[in-house]
């Protein structure tokens, strides 16, 4: 029993070091990838252009016929256009095989 240290004998900095390590791990595995993903999505939405085939968050497939500052007009069928917020566009399907 003499060789064991109790919690009172531990360094007071050990708790701070462990908390710091947890914060660093949390940053590199959770926060940093999310910020990177948000940057990629923002660049994708800024790069949208007329004629791109896209998918909305609601699962609607369409072709961009007009782009405004915060919205896009999608053609989803012949003579059927809808106005969608740019934040609702999630994926570019221009390279996908069309049915």
PDB file of N, CA and C in Angstrom:
ATOM      1  N   UNK A   1       0.810  -1.193   0.000  1.00  0.00           N
ATOM      2  CA  UNK A   1       0.000   0.000   0.000  1.00  0.00           C
ATOM      3  C   UNK A   1       0.851   1.253   0.000  1.00  0.00           C
ATOM      4  N   UNK A   2       2.110   1.108   0.297  1.00  0.00           N
ATOM      5  CA  UNK A   2       2.947   2.283   0.364  1.00  0.00           C
ATOM      6  C   UNK A   2       3.313   2.818  -1.015  1.00  0.00           C
ATOM      7  N   UNK A   3       3.333   1.991  -2.038  1.00  0.00           N
ATOM      8  CA  UNK A   3       3.728   2.394  -3.367  1.00  0.00           C
ATOM      9  C   UNK A   3       2.643   3.141  -4.132  1.00  0.00           C
ATOM     10  N   UNK A   4       1.401   3.111  -3.707  1.00  0.00           N
ATOM     11  CA  UNK A   4       0.304   3.772  -4.416  1.00  0.00           C
ATOM     12  C   UNK A   4       0.163   5.220  -3.992  1.00  0.00           C
ATOM     13  N   UNK A   5      -0.025   6.090  -4.997  1.00  0.00           N
ATOM     14  CA  UNK A   5      -0.306   7.501  -4.700  1.00  0.00           C
ATOM     15  C   UNK A   5      -1.809   7.676  -4.692  1.00  0.00           C
ATOM     16  N   UNK A   6      -2.323   8.456  -3.809  1.00  0.00           N
ATOM     17  CA  UNK A   6      -3.755   8.764  -3.848  1.00  0.00           C
ATOM     18  C   UNK A   6      -3.972  10.030  -4.652  1.00  0.00           C
ATOM     19  N   UNK A   7      -5.226  10.365  -4.920  1.00  0.00           N
ATOM     20  CA  UNK A   7      -5.566  11.515  -5.756  1.00  0.00           C
ATOM     21  C   UNK A   7      -5.040  12.816  -5.181  1.00  0.00           C
ATOM     22  N   UNK A   8      -4.929  12.904  -3.885  1.00  0.00           N
ATOM     23  CA  UNK A   8      -4.456  14.136  -3.255  1.00  0.00           C
ATOM     24  C   UNK A   8      -2.978  14.363  -3.546  1.00  0.00           C
ATOM     25  N   UNK A   9      -2.240  13.315  -3.830  1.00  0.00           N
ATOM     26  CA  UNK A   9      -0.815  13.449  -4.096  1.00  0.00           C
ATOM     27  C   UNK A   9      -0.510  13.771  -5.553  1.00  0.00           C
ATOM     28  N   UNK A  10      -1.499  13.728  -6.451  1.00  0.00           N
ATOM     29  CA  UNK A  10      -1.292  14.009  -7.870  1.00  0.00           C
ATOM     30  C   UNK A  10      -1.077  15.499  -8.088  1.00  0.00           C
ATOM     31  N   UNK A  11      -0.378  15.817  -9.159  1.00  0.00           N
ATOM     32  CA  UNK A  11      -0.107  17.214  -9.489  1.00  0.00           C
ATOM     33  C   UNK A  11      -1.417  17.954  -9.791  1.00  0.00           C
ATOM     34  N   UNK A  12      -1.545  19.188  -9.326  1.00  0.00           N
ATOM     35  CA  UNK A  12      -2.775  19.942  -9.616  1.00  0.00           C
ATOM     36  C   UNK A  12      -2.906  20.307 -11.096  1.00  0.00           C
ATOM     37  N   UNK A  13      -1.828  20.208 -11.831  1.00  0.00           N
ATOM     38  CA  UNK A  13      -1.854  20.547 -13.256  1.00  0.00           C
ATOM     39  C   UNK A  13      -2.327  19.388 -14.130  1.00  0.00           C
ATOM     40  N   UNK A  14      -2.359  18.197 -13.596  1.00  0.00           N
ATOM     41  CA  UNK A  14      -2.769  17.021 -14.363  1.00  0.00           C
ATOM     42  C   UNK A  14      -4.172  17.186 -14.930  1.00  0.00           C
ATOM     43  N   UNK A  15      -5.087  17.704 -14.137  1.00  0.00           N
ATOM     44  CA  UNK A  15      -6.460  17.932 -14.601  1.00  0.00           C
ATOM     45  C   UNK A  15      -6.521  18.921 -15.748  1.00  0.00           C
ATOM     46  N   UNK A  16      -5.729  19.986 -15.642  1.00  0.00           N
ATOM     47  CA  UNK A  16      -5.700  20.994 -16.700  1.00  0.00           C
ATOM     48  C   UNK A  16      -5.093  20.433 -17.987  1.00  0.00           C
ATOM     49  N   UNK A  17      -4.057  19.632 -17.839  1.00  0.00           N
ATOM     50  CA  UNK A  17      -3.418  19.036 -19.012  1.00  0.00           C
ATOM     51  C   UNK A  17      -4.386  18.083 -19.710  1.00  0.00           C
ATOM     52  N   UNK A  18      -5.079  17.262 -18.937  1.00  0.00           N
ATOM     53  CA  UNK A  18      -6.043  16.328 -19.528  1.00  0.00           C
ATOM     54  C   UNK A  18      -7.169  17.089 -20.232  1.00  0.00           C
ATOM     55  N   UNK A  19      -7.667  18.148 -19.612  1.00  0.00           N
ATOM     56  CA  UNK A  19      -8.728  18.952 -20.221  1.00  0.00           C
ATOM     57  C   UNK A  19      -8.229  19.592 -21.516  1.00  0.00           C
ATOM     58  N   UNK A  20      -6.997  20.067 -21.511  1.00  0.00           N
ATOM     59  CA  UNK A  20      -6.411  20.648 -22.716  1.00  0.00           C
ATOM     60  C   UNK A  20      -6.283  19.630 -23.835  1.00  0.00           C
ATOM     61  N   UNK A  21      -5.869  18.420 -23.503  1.00  0.00           N
ATOM     62  CA  UNK A  21      -5.759  17.364 -24.510  1.00  0.00           C
ATOM     63  C   UNK A  21      -7.125  17.011 -25.088  1.00  0.00           C
ATOM     64  N   UNK A  22      -8.136  16.969 -24.250  1.00  0.00           N
ATOM     65  CA  UNK A  22      -9.489  16.680 -24.727  1.00  0.00           C
ATOM     66  C   UNK A  22      -9.956  17.770 -25.691  1.00  0.00           C
ATOM     67  N   UNK A  23      -9.685  19.016 -25.376  1.00  0.00           N
ATOM     68  CA  UNK A  23     -10.084  20.129 -26.238  1.00  0.00           C
ATOM     69  C   UNK A  23      -9.351  20.059 -27.575  1.00  0.00           C
ATOM     70  N   UNK A  24      -8.065  19.740 -27.557  1.00  0.00           N
ATOM     71  CA  UNK A  24      -7.279  19.638 -28.791  1.00  0.00           C
ATOM     72  C   UNK A  24      -7.816  18.504 -29.666  1.00  0.00           C
ATOM     73  N   UNK A  25      -8.075  17.360 -29.077  1.00  0.00           N
ATOM     74  CA  UNK A  25      -8.610  16.223 -29.831  1.00  0.00           C
ATOM     75  C   UNK A  25      -9.980  16.577 -30.407  1.00  0.00           C
ATOM     76  N   UNK A  26     -10.830  17.200 -29.599  1.00  0.00           N
ATOM     77  CA  UNK A  26     -12.159  17.610 -30.051  1.00  0.00           C
ATOM     78  C   UNK A  26     -12.049  18.558 -31.231  1.00  0.00           C
ATOM     79  N   UNK A  27     -11.098  19.504 -31.169  1.00  0.00           N
ATOM     80  CA  UNK A  27     -10.914  20.461 -32.260  1.00  0.00           C
ATOM     81  C   UNK A  27     -10.526  19.750 -33.550  1.00  0.00           C
ATOM     82  N   UNK A  28      -9.523  18.879 -33.487  1.00  0.00           N
ATOM     83  CA  UNK A  28      -9.020  18.249 -34.714  1.00  0.00           C
ATOM     84  C   UNK A  28      -9.968  17.215 -35.304  1.00  0.00           C
ATOM     85  N   UNK A  29     -10.798  16.583 -34.490  1.00  0.00           N
ATOM     86  CA  UNK A  29     -11.688  15.552 -35.009  1.00  0.00           C
ATOM     87  C   UNK A  29     -13.119  16.009 -35.234  1.00  0.00           C
ATOM     88  N   UNK A  30     -13.511  17.151 -34.669  1.00  0.00           N
ATOM     89  CA  UNK A  30     -14.890  17.593 -34.802  1.00  0.00           C
ATOM     90  C   UNK A  30     -15.008  18.981 -35.450  1.00  0.00           C
ATOM     91  N   UNK A  31     -14.371  19.958 -34.897  1.00  0.00           N
ATOM     92  CA  UNK A  31     -14.560  21.344 -35.335  1.00  0.00           C
ATOM     93  C   UNK A  31     -13.858  21.621 -36.666  1.00  0.00           C
ATOM     94  N   UNK A  32     -12.602  21.260 -36.774  1.00  0.00           N
ATOM     95  CA  UNK A  32     -11.831  21.562 -37.983  1.00  0.00           C
ATOM     96  C   UNK A  32     -12.433  20.938 -39.248  1.00  0.00           C
ATOM     97  N   UNK A  33     -12.813  19.648 -39.229  1.00  0.00           N
ATOM     98  CA  UNK A  33     -13.430  19.081 -40.437  1.00  0.00           C
ATOM     99  C   UNK A  33     -14.751  19.757 -40.801  1.00  0.00           C
ATOM    100  N   UNK A  34     -15.532  20.168 -39.799  1.00  0.00           N
ATOM    101  CA  UNK A  34     -16.808  20.831 -40.070  1.00  0.00           C
ATOM    102  C   UNK A  34     -16.581  22.193 -40.727  1.00  0.00           C
ATOM    103  N   UNK A  35     -15.607  22.941 -40.252  1.00  0.00           N
ATOM    104  CA  UNK A  35     -15.294  24.246 -40.841  1.00  0.00           C
ATOM    105  C   UNK A  35     -14.812  24.061 -42.283  1.00  0.00           C
ATOM    106  N   UNK A  36     -14.002  23.034 -42.516  1.00  0.00           N
ATOM    107  CA  UNK A  36     -13.513  22.754 -43.869  1.00  0.00           C
ATOM    108  C   UNK A  36     -14.672  22.406 -44.793  1.00  0.00           C
ATOM    109  N   UNK A  37     -15.604  21.596 -44.321  1.00  0.00           N
ATOM    110  CA  UNK A  37     -16.771  21.200 -45.121  1.00  0.00           C
ATOM    111  C   UNK A  37     -17.639  22.413 -45.449  1.00  0.00           C
ATOM    112  N   UNK A  38     -17.852  23.299 -44.469  1.00  0.00           N
ATOM    113  CA  UNK A  38     -18.644  24.505 -44.702  1.00  0.00           C
ATOM    114  C   UNK A  38     -17.991  25.384 -45.761  1.00  0.00           C
ATOM    115  N   UNK A  39     -16.672  25.476 -45.750  1.00  0.00           N
ATOM    116  CA  UNK A  39     -15.954  26.274 -46.744  1.00  0.00           C
ATOM    117  C   UNK A  39     -16.140  25.680 -48.136  1.00  0.00           C
ATOM    118  N   UNK A  40     -16.058  24.348 -48.246  1.00  0.00           N
ATOM    119  CA  UNK A  40     -16.250  23.690 -49.535  1.00  0.00           C
ATOM    120  C   UNK A  40     -17.665  23.902 -50.069  1.00  0.00           C
ATOM    121  N   UNK A  41     -18.660  23.816 -49.197  1.00  0.00           N
ATOM    122  CA  UNK A  41     -20.058  24.012 -49.604  1.00  0.00           C
ATOM    123  C   UNK A  41     -20.268  25.453 -50.069  1.00  0.00           C
ATOM    124  N   UNK A  42     -19.691  26.417 -49.346  1.00  0.00           N
ATOM    125  CA  UNK A  42     -19.825  27.826 -49.729  1.00  0.00           C
ATOM    126  C   UNK A  42     -19.201  28.073 -51.095  1.00  0.00           C
ATOM    127  N   UNK A  43     -18.013  27.488 -51.338  1.00  0.00           N
ATOM    128  CA  UNK A  43     -17.361  27.647 -52.639  1.00  0.00           C
ATOM    129  C   UNK A  43     -18.173  26.984 -53.738  1.00  0.00           C
ATOM    130  N   UNK A  44     -18.769  25.820 -53.451  1.00  0.00           N
ATOM    131  CA  UNK A  44     -19.623  25.139 -54.420  1.00  0.00           C
ATOM    132  C   UNK A  44     -20.799  26.022 -54.817  1.00  0.00           C
ATOM    133  N   UNK A  45     -21.464  26.612 -53.830  1.00  0.00           N
ATOM    134  CA  UNK A  45     -22.641  27.434 -54.112  1.00  0.00           C
ATOM    135  C   UNK A  45     -22.277  28.720 -54.835  1.00  0.00           C
ATOM    136  N   UNK A  46     -21.109  29.272 -54.540  1.00  0.00           N
ATOM    137  CA  UNK A  46     -20.666  30.471 -55.255  1.00  0.00           C
ATOM    138  C   UNK A  46     -20.293  30.146 -56.700  1.00  0.00           C
ATOM    139  N   UNK A  47     -19.908  28.902 -56.972  1.00  0.00           N
ATOM    140  CA  UNK A  47     -19.486  28.503 -58.303  1.00  0.00           C
ATOM    141  C   UNK A  47     -20.609  27.978 -59.189  1.00  0.00           C
ATOM    142  N   UNK A  48     -21.846  28.006 -58.696  1.00  0.00           N
ATOM    143  CA  UNK A  48     -22.962  27.534 -59.513  1.00  0.00           C
ATOM    144  C   UNK A  48     -23.116  28.409 -60.749  1.00  0.00           C
ATOM    145  N   UNK A  49     -23.494  27.775 -61.855  1.00  0.00           N
ATOM    146  CA  UNK A  49     -23.684  28.543 -63.085  1.00  0.00           C
ATOM    147  C   UNK A  49     -24.888  28.001 -63.850  1.00  0.00           C
ATOM    148  N   UNK A  50     -25.366  28.816 -64.748  1.00  0.00           N
ATOM    149  CA  UNK A  50     -26.504  28.442 -65.583  1.00  0.00           C
ATOM    150  C   UNK A  50     -26.193  27.165 -66.349  1.00  0.00           C
ATOM    151  N   UNK A  51     -27.147  26.242 -66.354  1.00  0.00           N
ATOM    152  CA  UNK A  51     -26.973  24.983 -67.061  1.00  0.00           C
ATOM    153  C   UNK A  51     -26.542  23.829 -66.173  1.00  0.00           C
ATOM    154  N   UNK A  52     -26.117  24.107 -64.936  1.00  0.00           N
ATOM    155  CA  UNK A  52     -25.719  23.032 -64.024  1.00  0.00           C
ATOM    156  C   UNK A  52     -26.931  22.211 -63.613  1.00  0.00           C
ATOM    157  N   UNK A  53     -26.771  20.902 -63.571  1.00  0.00           N
ATOM    158  CA  UNK A  53     -27.797  20.013 -63.042  1.00  0.00           C
ATOM    159  C   UNK A  53     -27.487  19.785 -61.571  1.00  0.00           C
ATOM    160  N   UNK A  54     -28.464  20.044 -60.698  1.00  0.00           N
ATOM    161  CA  UNK A  54     -28.239  19.996 -59.259  1.00  0.00           C
ATOM    162  C   UNK A  54     -29.367  19.250 -58.552  1.00  0.00           C
ATOM    163  N   UNK A  55     -29.127  18.978 -57.265  1.00  0.00           N
ATOM    164  CA  UNK A  55     -30.127  18.374 -56.391  1.00  0.00           C
ATOM    165  C   UNK A  55     -30.310  19.301 -55.195  1.00  0.00           C
ATOM    166  N   UNK A  56     -31.560  19.479 -54.774  1.00  0.00           N
ATOM    167  CA  UNK A  56     -31.847  20.314 -53.608  1.00  0.00           C
ATOM    168  C   UNK A  56     -31.875  19.449 -52.350  1.00  0.00           C
ATOM    169  N   UNK A  57     -31.921  20.091 -51.198  1.00  0.00           N
ATOM    170  CA  UNK A  57     -32.004  19.364 -49.936  1.00  0.00           C
ATOM    171  C   UNK A  57     -33.287  18.553 -49.846  1.00  0.00           C
ATOM    172  N   UNK A  58     -34.303  18.940 -50.572  1.00  0.00           N
ATOM    173  CA  UNK A  58     -35.564  18.206 -50.586  1.00  0.00           C
ATOM    174  C   UNK A  58     -35.577  17.063 -51.584  1.00  0.00           C
ATOM    175  N   UNK A  59     -34.473  16.859 -52.314  1.00  0.00           N
ATOM    176  CA  UNK A  59     -34.377  15.759 -53.256  1.00  0.00           C
ATOM    177  C   UNK A  59     -34.912  16.071 -54.640  1.00  0.00           C
ATOM    178  N   UNK A  60     -35.088  17.356 -54.952  1.00  0.00           N
ATOM    179  CA  UNK A  60     -35.585  17.751 -56.272  1.00  0.00           C
ATOM    180  C   UNK A  60     -34.411  17.922 -57.225  1.00  0.00           C
ATOM    181  N   UNK A  61     -34.468  17.226 -58.347  1.00  0.00           N
ATOM    182  CA  UNK A  61     -33.445  17.333 -59.384  1.00  0.00           C
ATOM    183  C   UNK A  61     -33.878  18.407 -60.367  1.00  0.00           C
ATOM    184  N   UNK A  62     -32.949  19.262 -60.748  1.00  0.00           N
ATOM    185  CA  UNK A  62     -33.285  20.300 -61.709  1.00  0.00           C
ATOM    186  C   UNK A  62     -32.064  20.865 -62.387  1.00  0.00           C
ATOM    187  N   UNK A  63     -32.336  21.714 -63.374  1.00  0.00           N
ATOM    188  CA  UNK A  63     -31.284  22.379 -64.138  1.00  0.00           C
ATOM    189  C   UNK A  63     -31.400  23.873 -63.867  1.00  0.00           C
ATOM    190  N   UNK A  64     -30.295  24.511 -63.541  1.00  0.00           N
ATOM    191  CA  UNK A  64     -30.302  25.936 -63.234  1.00  0.00           C
ATOM    192  C   UNK A  64     -30.535  26.720 -64.520  1.00  0.00           C
ATOM    193  N   UNK A  65     -31.571  27.569 -64.508  1.00  0.00           N
ATOM    194  CA  UNK A  65     -31.848  28.403 -65.672  1.00  0.00           C
ATOM    195  C   UNK A  65     -31.580  29.884 -65.376  1.00  0.00           C
ATOM    196  N   UNK A  66     -31.515  30.229 -64.090  1.00  0.00           N
ATOM    197  CA  UNK A  66     -31.225  31.618 -63.728  1.00  0.00           C
ATOM    198  C   UNK A  66     -30.661  31.645 -62.310  1.00  0.00           C
ATOM    199  N   UNK A  67     -29.668  32.511 -62.093  1.00  0.00           N
ATOM    200  CA  UNK A  67     -29.053  32.649 -60.774  1.00  0.00           C
ATOM    201  C   UNK A  67     -29.189  34.091 -60.323  1.00  0.00           C
ATOM    202  N   UNK A  68     -29.686  34.256 -59.117  1.00  0.00           N
ATOM    203  CA  UNK A  68     -29.759  35.581 -58.502  1.00  0.00           C
ATOM    204  C   UNK A  68     -28.837  35.570 -57.285  1.00  0.00           C
ATOM    205  N   UNK A  69     -28.848  36.648 -56.513  1.00  0.00           N
ATOM    206  CA  UNK A  69     -27.917  36.760 -55.387  1.00  0.00           C
ATOM    207  C   UNK A  69     -28.104  35.654 -54.349  1.00  0.00           C
ATOM    208  N   UNK A  70     -29.343  35.400 -53.936  1.00  0.00           N
ATOM    209  CA  UNK A  70     -29.588  34.398 -52.899  1.00  0.00           C
ATOM    210  C   UNK A  70     -30.468  33.243 -53.358  1.00  0.00           C
ATOM    211  N   UNK A  71     -30.969  33.303 -54.579  1.00  0.00           N
ATOM    212  CA  UNK A  71     -31.857  32.253 -55.078  1.00  0.00           C
ATOM    213  C   UNK A  71     -31.434  31.799 -56.464  1.00  0.00           C
ATOM    214  N   UNK A  72     -31.948  30.641 -56.860  1.00  0.00           N
ATOM    215  CA  UNK A  72     -31.760  30.146 -58.223  1.00  0.00           C
ATOM    216  C   UNK A  72     -33.115  29.683 -58.741  1.00  0.00           C
ATOM    217  N   UNK A  73     -33.279  29.760 -60.046  1.00  0.00           N
ATOM    218  CA  UNK A  73     -34.479  29.241 -60.687  1.00  0.00           C
ATOM    219  C   UNK A  73     -34.082  27.901 -61.321  1.00  0.00           C
ATOM    220  N   UNK A  74     -34.783  26.845 -60.910  1.00  0.00           N
ATOM    221  CA  UNK A  74     -34.519  25.512 -61.428  1.00  0.00           C
ATOM    222  C   UNK A  74     -35.618  25.088 -62.377  1.00  0.00           C
ATOM    223  N   UNK A  75     -35.219  24.499 -63.498  1.00  0.00           N
ATOM    224  CA  UNK A  75     -36.181  23.888 -64.412  1.00  0.00           C
ATOM    225  C   UNK A  75     -36.236  22.414 -64.021  1.00  0.00           C
ATOM    226  N   UNK A  76     -37.421  21.962 -63.559  1.00  0.00           N
ATOM    227  CA  UNK A  76     -37.547  20.576 -63.130  1.00  0.00           C
ATOM    228  C   UNK A  76     -38.272  19.715 -64.159  1.00  0.00           C
ATOM    229  N   UNK A  77     -38.903  20.343 -65.138  1.00  0.00           N
ATOM    230  CA  UNK A  77     -39.553  19.646 -66.245  1.00  0.00           C
ATOM    231  C   UNK A  77     -39.767  20.678 -67.344  1.00  0.00           C
ATOM    232  N   UNK A  78     -40.239  20.260 -68.476  1.00  0.00           N
ATOM    233  CA  UNK A  78     -40.518  21.207 -69.550  1.00  0.00           C
ATOM    234  C   UNK A  78     -41.528  22.242 -69.061  1.00  0.00           C
ATOM    235  N   UNK A  79     -41.170  23.507 -69.181  1.00  0.00           N
ATOM    236  CA  UNK A  79     -42.011  24.639 -68.782  1.00  0.00           C
ATOM    237  C   UNK A  79     -42.411  24.616 -67.312  1.00  0.00           C
ATOM    238  N   UNK A  80     -41.631  23.959 -66.450  1.00  0.00           N
ATOM    239  CA  UNK A  80     -41.890  23.951 -65.001  1.00  0.00           C
ATOM    240  C   UNK A  80     -40.628  24.428 -64.294  1.00  0.00           C
ATOM    241  N   UNK A  81     -40.681  25.653 -63.770  1.00  0.00           N
ATOM    242  CA  UNK A  81     -39.554  26.241 -63.064  1.00  0.00           C
ATOM    243  C   UNK A  81     -39.949  26.512 -61.619  1.00  0.00           C
ATOM    244  N   UNK A  82     -38.974  26.358 -60.705  1.00  0.00           N
ATOM    245  CA  UNK A  82     -39.209  26.689 -59.306  1.00  0.00           C
ATOM    246  C   UNK A  82     -38.068  27.567 -58.810  1.00  0.00           C
ATOM    247  N   UNK A  83     -38.394  28.396 -57.830  1.00  0.00           N
ATOM    248  CA  UNK A  83     -37.385  29.253 -57.214  1.00  0.00           C
ATOM    249  C   UNK A  83     -36.924  28.562 -55.934  1.00  0.00           C
ATOM    250  N   UNK A  84     -35.601  28.415 -55.790  1.00  0.00           N
ATOM    251  CA  UNK A  84     -35.012  27.724 -54.651  1.00  0.00           C
ATOM    252  C   UNK A  84     -33.929  28.612 -54.043  1.00  0.00           C
ATOM    253  N   UNK A  85     -33.864  28.633 -52.725  1.00  0.00           N
ATOM    254  CA  UNK A  85     -32.790  29.343 -52.039  1.00  0.00           C
ATOM    255  C   UNK A  85     -31.466  28.641 -52.350  1.00  0.00           C
ATOM    256  N   UNK A  86     -30.392  29.412 -52.536  1.00  0.00           N
ATOM    257  CA  UNK A  86     -29.087  28.819 -52.854  1.00  0.00           C
ATOM    258  C   UNK A  86     -28.644  27.831 -51.775  1.00  0.00           C
ATOM    259  N   UNK A  87     -29.014  28.094 -50.524  1.00  0.00           N
ATOM    260  CA  UNK A  87     -28.635  27.193 -49.438  1.00  0.00           C
ATOM    261  C   UNK A  87     -29.320  25.836 -49.559  1.00  0.00           C
ATOM    262  N   UNK A  88     -30.356  25.741 -50.401  1.00  0.00           N
ATOM    263  CA  UNK A  88     -31.056  24.484 -50.604  1.00  0.00           C
ATOM    264  C   UNK A  88     -30.410  23.594 -51.641  1.00  0.00           C
ATOM    265  N   UNK A  89     -29.403  24.105 -52.346  1.00  0.00           N
ATOM    266  CA  UNK A  89     -28.691  23.320 -53.361  1.00  0.00           C
ATOM    267  C   UNK A  89     -27.570  22.567 -52.647  1.00  0.00           C
ATOM    268  N   UNK A  90     -27.557  21.233 -52.774  1.00  0.00           N
ATOM    269  CA  UNK A  90     -26.547  20.476 -52.031  1.00  0.00           C
ATOM    270  C   UNK A  90     -25.577  19.697 -52.907  1.00  0.00           C
ATOM    271  N   UNK A  91     -25.933  19.434 -54.144  1.00  0.00           N
ATOM    272  CA  UNK A  91     -25.072  18.561 -54.936  1.00  0.00           C
ATOM    273  C   UNK A  91     -25.140  18.915 -56.410  1.00  0.00           C
ATOM    274  N   UNK A  92     -23.993  18.859 -57.059  1.00  0.00           N
ATOM    275  CA  UNK A  92     -23.917  19.080 -58.505  1.00  0.00           C
ATOM    276  C   UNK A  92     -24.043  17.732 -59.199  1.00  0.00           C
ATOM    277  N   UNK A  93     -25.010  17.635 -60.088  1.00  0.00           N
ATOM    278  CA  UNK A  93     -25.235  16.376 -60.797  1.00  0.00           C
ATOM    279  C   UNK A  93     -24.901  16.507 -62.282  1.00  0.00           C
ATOM    280  N   UNK A  94     -24.137  17.523 -62.659  1.00  0.00           N
ATOM    281  CA  UNK A  94     -23.808  17.760 -64.062  1.00  0.00           C
ATOM    282  C   UNK A  94     -23.063  16.597 -64.687  1.00  0.00           C
ATOM    283  N   UNK A  95     -22.228  15.917 -63.898  1.00  0.00           N
ATOM    284  CA  UNK A  95     -21.437  14.803 -64.425  1.00  0.00           C
ATOM    285  C   UNK A  95     -22.179  13.477 -64.368  1.00  0.00           C
ATOM    286  N   UNK A  96     -23.322  13.456 -63.683  1.00  0.00           N
ATOM    287  CA  UNK A  96     -24.078  12.200 -63.523  1.00  0.00           C
ATOM    288  C   UNK A  96     -24.780  11.834 -64.820  1.00  0.00           C
ATOM    289  N   UNK A  97     -25.002  10.578 -65.009  1.00  0.00           N
ATOM    290  CA  UNK A  97     -25.700  10.104 -66.198  1.00  0.00           C
ATOM    291  C   UNK A  97     -27.172  10.500 -66.111  1.00  0.00           C
ATOM    292  N   UNK A  98     -27.679  11.112 -67.159  1.00  0.00           N
ATOM    293  CA  UNK A  98     -29.069  11.572 -67.188  1.00  0.00           C
ATOM    294  C   UNK A  98     -29.978  10.457 -67.683  1.00  0.00           C
ATOM    295  N   UNK A  99     -31.180  10.394 -67.091  1.00  0.00           N
ATOM    296  CA  UNK A  99     -32.165   9.404 -67.527  1.00  0.00           C
ATOM    297  C   UNK A  99     -33.102  10.002 -68.539  1.00  0.00           C
TER     298      UNK A  99
END
